[in-house]
Amino acid sequence: HLSDRSEALQTCLQKLPEKQRQAILLRYYEDCDIPEIASRTDRTEGAVYRLLSRIRSSLNECVTRELASSLS
């Protein structure tokens, strides 16, 4: 089950627009904090929080769809 979710997440990450994928990679793969991401992406910290929240929601929906379609 975990490997299915991991594969679905990888698929969904590839579907993200480049700037959104960059924000996720900075936060979760390079372990950057919000101020650093804001600095690197020329956004305010508040904008980064909102962006990451929207991306997480989008990824969650995408993973759910991917898993549901793999069961069909």
N, C-alpha and C. Protein backbone atom coordinates (compact mmCIF):
# COMPACT_ATOMS: atom_id res chain seq x y z
N HIS A 1 0.83 -1.19 0.00
CA HIS A 1 0.00 0.00 0.00
C HIS A 1 0.88 1.25 0.00
N LEU A 2 1.92 1.26 0.81
CA LEU A 2 2.80 2.42 0.89
C LEU A 2 3.52 2.65 -0.44
N SER A 3 3.98 1.57 -1.07
CA SER A 3 4.67 1.74 -2.35
C SER A 3 3.72 2.25 -3.42
N ASP A 4 2.43 1.84 -3.36
CA ASP A 4 1.43 2.35 -4.30
C ASP A 4 1.27 3.85 -4.12
N ARG A 5 1.19 4.29 -2.85
CA ARG A 5 1.05 5.73 -2.57
C ARG A 5 2.30 6.49 -3.02
N SER A 6 3.45 5.90 -2.80
CA SER A 6 4.70 6.54 -3.20
C SER A 6 4.77 6.69 -4.73
N GLU A 7 4.38 5.66 -5.44
CA GLU A 7 4.36 5.73 -6.90
C GLU A 7 3.36 6.77 -7.38
N ALA A 8 2.19 6.80 -6.76
CA ALA A 8 1.17 7.78 -7.12
C ALA A 8 1.68 9.20 -6.85
N LEU A 9 2.36 9.38 -5.72
CA LEU A 9 2.90 10.70 -5.40
C LEU A 9 3.94 11.13 -6.44
N GLN A 10 4.81 10.23 -6.83
CA GLN A 10 5.82 10.55 -7.85
C GLN A 10 5.15 10.95 -9.16
N THR A 11 4.11 10.24 -9.55
CA THR A 11 3.36 10.58 -10.76
C THR A 11 2.76 11.97 -10.64
N CYS A 12 2.17 12.25 -9.50
CA CYS A 12 1.52 13.54 -9.28
C CYS A 12 2.53 14.68 -9.23
N LEU A 13 3.68 14.44 -8.64
CA LEU A 13 4.73 15.47 -8.61
C LEU A 13 5.17 15.84 -10.02
N GLN A 14 5.24 14.85 -10.90
CA GLN A 14 5.64 15.11 -12.28
C GLN A 14 4.60 15.95 -13.02
N LYS A 15 3.35 15.88 -12.58
CA LYS A 15 2.27 16.64 -13.23
C LYS A 15 2.23 18.10 -12.79
N LEU A 16 2.92 18.42 -11.70
CA LEU A 16 2.89 19.80 -11.20
C LEU A 16 3.61 20.74 -12.16
N PRO A 17 3.14 22.00 -12.23
CA PRO A 17 3.91 23.00 -12.97
C PRO A 17 5.29 23.16 -12.33
N GLU A 18 6.26 23.55 -13.13
CA GLU A 18 7.65 23.62 -12.68
C GLU A 18 7.85 24.44 -11.40
N LYS A 19 7.22 25.61 -11.31
CA LYS A 19 7.43 26.45 -10.12
C LYS A 19 6.85 25.80 -8.87
N GLN A 20 5.75 25.08 -9.01
CA GLN A 20 5.18 24.38 -7.86
C GLN A 20 6.07 23.21 -7.46
N ARG A 21 6.55 22.47 -8.45
CA ARG A 21 7.44 21.34 -8.16
C ARG A 21 8.71 21.85 -7.47
N GLN A 22 9.23 23.00 -7.92
CA GLN A 22 10.42 23.57 -7.31
C GLN A 22 10.18 23.88 -5.84
N ALA A 23 9.03 24.46 -5.51
CA ALA A 23 8.72 24.79 -4.12
C ALA A 23 8.67 23.53 -3.26
N ILE A 24 8.05 22.48 -3.77
CA ILE A 24 7.96 21.21 -3.03
C ILE A 24 9.35 20.60 -2.84
N LEU A 25 10.14 20.62 -3.88
CA LEU A 25 11.50 20.06 -3.78
C LEU A 25 12.34 20.83 -2.77
N LEU A 26 12.22 22.15 -2.78
CA LEU A 26 12.97 22.94 -1.80
C LEU A 26 12.54 22.60 -0.39
N ARG A 27 11.24 22.49 -0.18
CA ARG A 27 10.72 22.28 1.19
C ARG A 27 10.98 20.87 1.70
N TYR A 28 10.69 19.87 0.90
CA TYR A 28 10.70 18.50 1.42
C TYR A 28 11.92 17.68 1.02
N TYR A 29 12.60 18.05 -0.05
CA TYR A 29 13.76 17.26 -0.45
C TYR A 29 15.07 17.95 -0.09
N GLU A 30 15.06 19.29 -0.09
CA GLU A 30 16.26 20.03 0.31
C GLU A 30 16.13 20.57 1.73
N ASP A 31 14.99 20.34 2.35
CA ASP A 31 14.72 20.71 3.74
C ASP A 31 14.92 22.20 4.02
N CYS A 32 14.54 23.04 3.05
CA CYS A 32 14.63 24.49 3.23
C CYS A 32 13.47 24.96 4.10
N ASP A 33 13.70 25.99 4.91
CA ASP A 33 12.61 26.55 5.69
C ASP A 33 11.87 27.59 4.85
N ILE A 34 10.73 28.05 5.36
CA ILE A 34 9.87 28.96 4.62
C ILE A 34 10.59 30.26 4.24
N PRO A 35 11.31 30.91 5.17
CA PRO A 35 12.03 32.14 4.77
C PRO A 35 13.03 31.91 3.63
N GLU A 36 13.70 30.77 3.65
CA GLU A 36 14.67 30.48 2.59
C GLU A 36 13.96 30.27 1.25
N ILE A 37 12.85 29.55 1.27
CA ILE A 37 12.08 29.33 0.03
C ILE A 37 11.57 30.67 -0.50
N ALA A 38 11.07 31.52 0.41
CA ALA A 38 10.59 32.84 0.01
C ALA A 38 11.71 33.63 -0.67
N SER A 39 12.88 33.59 -0.11
CA SER A 39 14.02 34.31 -0.67
C SER A 39 14.41 33.76 -2.04
N ARG A 40 14.47 32.45 -2.14
CA ARG A 40 14.88 31.82 -3.40
C ARG A 40 13.86 31.99 -4.51
N THR A 41 12.59 32.12 -4.16
CA THR A 41 11.54 32.18 -5.18
C THR A 41 10.94 33.58 -5.35
N ASP A 42 11.52 34.57 -4.68
CA ASP A 42 11.03 35.95 -4.74
C ASP A 42 9.55 36.06 -4.37
N ARG A 43 9.18 35.41 -3.28
CA ARG A 43 7.82 35.47 -2.75
C ARG A 43 7.89 35.90 -1.30
N THR A 44 6.75 36.35 -0.78
CA THR A 44 6.69 36.61 0.66
C THR A 44 6.55 35.28 1.38
N GLU A 45 6.85 35.27 2.68
CA GLU A 45 6.67 34.05 3.46
C GLU A 45 5.21 33.61 3.45
N GLY A 46 4.30 34.57 3.57
CA GLY A 46 2.87 34.25 3.54
C GLY A 46 2.47 33.61 2.23
N ALA A 47 3.03 34.11 1.13
CA ALA A 47 2.73 33.53 -0.18
C ALA A 47 3.25 32.10 -0.28
N VAL A 48 4.42 31.85 0.31
CA VAL A 48 4.98 30.49 0.29
C VAL A 48 4.10 29.54 1.10
N TYR A 49 3.65 29.97 2.28
CA TYR A 49 2.75 29.13 3.08
C TYR A 49 1.49 28.79 2.29
N ARG A 50 0.90 29.80 1.64
CA ARG A 50 -0.33 29.57 0.87
C ARG A 50 -0.06 28.65 -0.32
N LEU A 51 1.05 28.89 -1.00
CA LEU A 51 1.40 28.06 -2.15
C LEU A 51 1.57 26.60 -1.74
N LEU A 52 2.34 26.36 -0.68
CA LEU A 52 2.57 24.99 -0.23
C LEU A 52 1.27 24.33 0.21
N SER A 53 0.40 25.09 0.84
CA SER A 53 -0.89 24.54 1.26
C SER A 53 -1.72 24.11 0.05
N ARG A 54 -1.76 24.97 -0.97
CA ARG A 54 -2.51 24.63 -2.19
C ARG A 54 -1.90 23.42 -2.88
N ILE A 55 -0.58 23.37 -2.94
CA ILE A 55 0.09 22.25 -3.60
C ILE A 55 -0.18 20.94 -2.85
N ARG A 56 -0.08 20.97 -1.53
CA ARG A 56 -0.34 19.75 -0.74
C ARG A 56 -1.77 19.25 -0.97
N SER A 57 -2.72 20.18 -1.01
CA SER A 57 -4.11 19.81 -1.26
C SER A 57 -4.26 19.19 -2.65
N SER A 58 -3.63 19.81 -3.63
CA SER A 58 -3.67 19.31 -5.00
C SER A 58 -3.03 17.93 -5.10
N LEU A 59 -1.88 17.76 -4.45
CA LEU A 59 -1.21 16.46 -4.48
C LEU A 59 -2.04 15.39 -3.80
N ASN A 60 -2.68 15.74 -2.69
CA ASN A 60 -3.53 14.78 -1.99
C ASN A 60 -4.67 14.31 -2.89
N GLU A 61 -5.31 15.26 -3.57
CA GLU A 61 -6.41 14.90 -4.48
C GLU A 61 -5.89 14.03 -5.63
N CYS A 62 -4.76 14.41 -6.18
CA CYS A 62 -4.17 13.65 -7.29
C CYS A 62 -3.82 12.23 -6.86
N VAL A 63 -3.19 12.08 -5.71
CA VAL A 63 -2.82 10.75 -5.22
C VAL A 63 -4.07 9.90 -5.01
N THR A 64 -5.10 10.50 -4.45
CA THR A 64 -6.36 9.77 -4.23
C THR A 64 -6.92 9.29 -5.58
N ARG A 65 -6.91 10.17 -6.58
CA ARG A 65 -7.40 9.78 -7.92
C ARG A 65 -6.54 8.67 -8.53
N GLU A 66 -5.23 8.82 -8.41
CA GLU A 66 -4.32 7.81 -8.96
C GLU A 66 -4.54 6.44 -8.33
N LEU A 67 -4.70 6.42 -7.01
CA LEU A 67 -4.92 5.15 -6.31
C LEU A 67 -6.26 4.55 -6.69
N ALA A 68 -7.27 5.40 -6.82
CA ALA A 68 -8.60 4.90 -7.20
C ALA A 68 -8.59 4.32 -8.62
N SER A 69 -7.86 5.00 -9.51
CA SER A 69 -7.82 4.49 -10.90
C SER A 69 -7.00 3.21 -10.99
N SER A 70 -6.04 3.03 -10.11
CA SER A 70 -5.24 1.79 -10.16
C SER A 70 -6.03 0.60 -9.62
N LEU A 71 -7.07 0.88 -8.83
CA LEU A 71 -7.91 -0.20 -8.30
C LEU A 71 -8.95 -0.65 -9.32
N SER A 72 -9.26 0.21 -10.26
CA SER A 72 -10.29 -0.12 -11.27
C SER A 72 -9.78 -1.07 -12.32
